[in-house]
Protein backbone atom coordinates (compact mmCIF):
# COMPACT_ATOMS: atom_id res chain seq x y z
CA UNK A 1 0.00 0.00 0.00
CA UNK A 2 1.16 3.52 -0.69
CA UNK A 3 -0.11 6.95 0.30
CA UNK A 4 -1.69 8.96 -2.51
CA UNK A 5 -1.42 12.51 -1.22
CA UNK A 6 -0.54 14.14 2.07
CA UNK A 7 -3.37 16.25 3.42
CA UNK A 8 -3.64 17.93 6.83
CA UNK A 9 -7.02 16.35 7.71
CA UNK A 10 -7.04 12.98 5.92
CA UNK A 11 -4.64 10.48 4.36
CA UNK A 12 -5.52 8.11 1.53
CA UNK A 13 -3.59 4.89 0.94
CA UNK A 14 -3.91 2.57 -2.04
CA UNK A 15 -4.59 -1.16 -1.58
CA UNK A 16 -4.02 -4.34 -3.55
CA UNK A 17 -7.31 -3.79 -5.41
CA UNK A 18 -7.48 -1.09 -8.07
CA UNK A 19 -9.52 1.85 -6.77
CA UNK A 20 -10.00 0.76 -3.15
CA UNK A 21 -8.53 3.29 -0.73
CA UNK A 22 -7.94 3.22 3.02
CA UNK A 23 -8.69 6.64 4.49
CA UNK A 24 -7.47 7.82 7.86
CA UNK A 25 -8.96 11.06 9.16
CA UNK A 26 -6.81 13.26 11.39
CA UNK A 27 -7.94 12.99 15.00
CA UNK A 28 -7.52 16.00 17.28
CA UNK A 29 -7.39 14.98 20.92
CA UNK A 30 -6.61 16.28 24.37
CA UNK A 31 -7.49 15.38 27.97
CA UNK A 32 -11.20 16.07 27.23
CA UNK A 33 -11.44 13.52 24.42
CA UNK A 34 -11.12 13.79 20.65
CA UNK A 35 -12.66 15.29 17.49
CA UNK A 36 -12.45 14.38 13.83
CA UNK A 37 -14.26 15.27 10.65
CA UNK A 38 -15.71 11.93 9.55
CA UNK A 39 -16.31 13.35 6.07
CA UNK A 40 -15.45 16.60 4.33
CA UNK A 41 -16.06 16.60 0.57
CA UNK A 42 -13.28 19.08 -0.19
CA UNK A 43 -10.69 17.19 1.89
CA UNK A 44 -11.83 13.86 0.38
CA UNK A 45 -11.22 15.26 -3.11
CA UNK A 46 -7.81 16.70 -2.20
CA UNK A 47 -6.67 13.41 -0.63
CA UNK A 48 -8.09 11.06 -3.29
CA UNK A 49 -8.59 13.08 -6.47
CA UNK A 50 -12.13 11.66 -6.62
CA UNK A 51 -15.23 13.74 -7.22
CA UNK A 52 -18.14 11.79 -5.76
CA UNK A 53 -21.63 12.70 -4.68
CA UNK A 54 -23.11 10.69 -1.84
CA UNK A 55 -26.90 10.32 -1.89
CA UNK A 56 -27.64 7.89 0.94
CA UNK A 57 -26.27 7.09 4.41
CA UNK A 58 -26.80 3.63 5.92
CA UNK A 59 -26.30 2.45 9.50
CA UNK A 60 -26.39 -1.18 10.63
CA UNK A 61 -26.09 -2.92 13.99
CA UNK A 62 -24.94 -6.54 14.06
CA UNK A 63 -23.98 -9.19 16.59
CA UNK A 64 -20.72 -11.16 16.70
CA UNK A 65 -20.10 -13.66 13.88
CA UNK A 66 -22.75 -12.04 11.66
CA UNK A 67 -21.67 -11.88 8.05
CA UNK A 68 -23.43 -9.41 5.76
CA UNK A 69 -22.57 -9.78 2.09
CA UNK A 70 -21.27 -10.07 -0.51
CA UNK A 71 -23.65 -7.51 -2.06
CA UNK A 72 -23.63 -5.36 -5.19
CA UNK A 73 -26.10 -3.78 -7.63
CA UNK A 74 -26.10 -4.32 -11.39
CA UNK A 75 -27.99 -1.07 -12.00
CA UNK A 76 -27.38 2.05 -9.95
CA UNK A 77 -23.96 0.72 -9.01
CA UNK A 78 -22.77 2.13 -5.74
CA UNK A 79 -19.48 3.53 -4.59
CA UNK A 80 -19.28 3.24 -0.80
CA UNK A 81 -17.42 5.01 1.96
CA UNK A 82 -17.57 2.66 4.96
CA UNK A 83 -16.53 2.88 8.62
CA UNK A 84 -17.21 1.36 12.03
CA UNK A 85 -18.35 3.52 14.95
CA UNK A 86 -18.68 0.75 17.54
CA UNK A 87 -16.87 -2.59 17.69
CA UNK A 88 -14.84 -4.25 14.95
CA UNK A 89 -15.45 -5.90 11.58
CA UNK A 90 -13.44 -7.64 8.89
CA UNK A 91 -14.48 -5.73 5.76
CA UNK A 92 -14.12 -7.38 2.34
CA UNK A 93 -14.52 -6.30 -1.29
CA UNK A 94 -14.29 -8.45 -4.42
CA UNK A 95 -13.45 -6.87 -7.80
CA UNK A 96 -16.10 -7.72 -10.41
CA UNK A 97 -14.76 -5.30 -13.06
CA UNK A 98 -13.45 -7.28 -16.05
CA UNK A 99 -11.45 -4.24 -17.23
CA UNK A 100 -9.13 -4.14 -14.19
CA UNK A 101 -5.91 -5.97 -13.47
CA UNK A 102 -7.40 -6.99 -10.11
CA UNK A 103 -10.55 -8.65 -11.55
CA UNK A 104 -11.59 -11.60 -9.36
CA UNK A 105 -9.33 -10.59 -6.47
CA UNK A 106 -10.45 -9.71 -2.95
CA UNK A 107 -9.23 -7.26 -0.33
CA UNK A 108 -9.93 -7.44 3.39
CA UNK A 109 -9.15 -5.10 6.27
CA UNK A 110 -10.12 -4.79 9.92
CA UNK A 111 -12.14 -1.64 10.55
CA UNK A 112 -12.71 -0.70 14.18
CA UNK A 113 -14.10 2.13 16.23
CA UNK A 114 -10.60 2.53 17.69
CA UNK A 115 -8.57 2.65 14.46
CA UNK A 116 -11.17 4.97 12.81
CA UNK A 117 -10.10 3.80 9.35
CA UNK A 118 -12.52 4.25 6.49
CA UNK A 119 -12.62 2.41 3.20
CA UNK A 120 -13.54 3.83 -0.20
CA UNK A 121 -15.00 1.05 -2.37
CA UNK A 122 -15.61 2.11 -5.99
CA UNK A 123 -18.63 0.90 -8.00
CA UNK A 124 -18.28 -2.56 -9.52
CA UNK A 125 -17.22 -4.47 -6.42
CA UNK A 126 -19.11 -6.89 -4.19
CA UNK A 127 -18.94 -5.86 -0.54
CA UNK A 128 -19.51 -7.48 2.83
CA UNK A 129 -18.25 -7.71 6.38
CA UNK A 130 -17.93 -10.12 9.31
CA UNK A 131 -18.48 -8.82 12.86
CA UNK A 132 -15.49 -9.63 15.08
CA UNK A 133 -16.58 -7.93 18.33
CA UNK A 134 -19.63 -8.78 20.53
CA UNK A 135 -21.57 -6.15 18.54
CA UNK A 136 -20.71 -3.59 15.86
CA UNK A 137 -22.26 -0.51 14.33
CA UNK A 138 -21.36 0.06 10.70
CA UNK A 139 -21.93 3.29 8.76
CA UNK A 140 -21.62 3.82 5.05
CA UNK A 141 -22.32 6.46 2.44
CA UNK A 142 -23.37 5.44 -1.08
CA UNK A 143 -23.13 7.20 -4.43
CA UNK A 144 -26.47 5.82 -5.63
CA UNK A 145 -29.72 4.69 -4.05
CA UNK A 146 -30.54 1.17 -2.94
CA UNK A 147 -32.13 -0.72 -5.83
CA UNK A 148 -33.49 -4.09 -4.62
CA UNK A 149 -34.46 -5.17 -8.15
CA UNK A 150 -30.83 -5.12 -9.31
CA UNK A 151 -29.15 -6.34 -6.13
CA UNK A 152 -26.99 -9.44 -6.44
CA UNK A 153 -25.26 -11.49 -3.77
CA UNK A 154 -21.99 -13.32 -4.37
CA UNK A 155 -21.80 -16.25 -1.95
CA UNK A 156 -19.49 -15.50 0.96
CA UNK A 157 -17.52 -18.76 0.77
CA UNK A 158 -17.04 -19.23 -2.97
CA UNK A 159 -13.98 -21.47 -3.49
CA UNK A 160 -12.83 -19.62 -6.62
CA UNK A 161 -12.68 -16.25 -4.84
CA UNK A 162 -11.40 -17.95 -1.64
CA UNK A 163 -11.85 -15.09 0.83
CA UNK A 164 -9.89 -15.84 3.99
CA UNK A 165 -12.50 -14.90 6.60
CA UNK A 166 -11.13 -14.80 10.18
CA UNK A 167 -13.31 -17.71 11.35
CA UNK A 168 -12.37 -20.78 13.35
CA UNK A 169 -11.86 -23.83 11.16
CA UNK A 170 -15.25 -25.14 10.04
CA UNK A 171 -17.19 -22.28 11.68
CA UNK A 172 -20.22 -20.94 9.82
CA UNK A 173 -21.10 -17.27 10.36
CA UNK A 174 -24.61 -16.02 11.13
CA UNK A 175 -26.20 -15.41 7.72
CA UNK A 176 -29.62 -14.44 6.50
CA UNK A 177 -31.35 -16.58 3.86
CA UNK A 178 -30.37 -14.30 0.96
CA UNK A 179 -26.67 -14.22 1.87
CA UNK A 180 -26.43 -17.97 2.45
CA UNK A 181 -27.94 -18.55 -1.02
CA UNK A 182 -25.58 -16.18 -2.87
CA UNK A 183 -24.38 -16.92 -6.37
CA UNK A 184 -21.11 -18.67 -7.13
CA UNK A 185 -18.31 -16.72 -8.84
CA UNK A 186 -19.04 -18.57 -12.08
CA UNK A 187 -22.74 -17.61 -12.02
CA UNK A 188 -22.45 -14.09 -10.58
CA UNK A 189 -22.91 -11.31 -13.16
CA UNK A 190 -19.78 -9.19 -13.70
CA UNK A 191 -19.16 -5.67 -14.96
């Protein structure tokens, strides 16, 4: 990983997947506590070079060992800026863009309330997370609206993608019906 640009309020670091960025906001603290700007459009642009417009904010609460994902939309594709405000998750994205050198690859990172890292996930990737702490609250901004008619789920444990989830050997995460019945890599529509 390498830093894109130095900025006084936020740093952006590249990852092993084309277009995914790890963002670290500057935290100002003293004996009273701390303050940070969780999002500032101007600073985001200066750190990343990306002009994005967010149209929806989502907030989820999940219990330990819950896995949500791997979701994406075929229409109204969404870029996402994700972060954790309570607890810890293992956040994963899979590149579904045939035009990239990282097509079919996955990237995972631990996001926690303590490390305050954020992840920019561009459109064209499947996204999900596994809750590592007893509970977690997860916030994310999207660049397009939720479109249930075009939503697709890539199965979380597809052997071709081979995501290395931090689970005990043989453990099955808590999944809803839709996520447990996700499509295989071979059958999942790509971009």
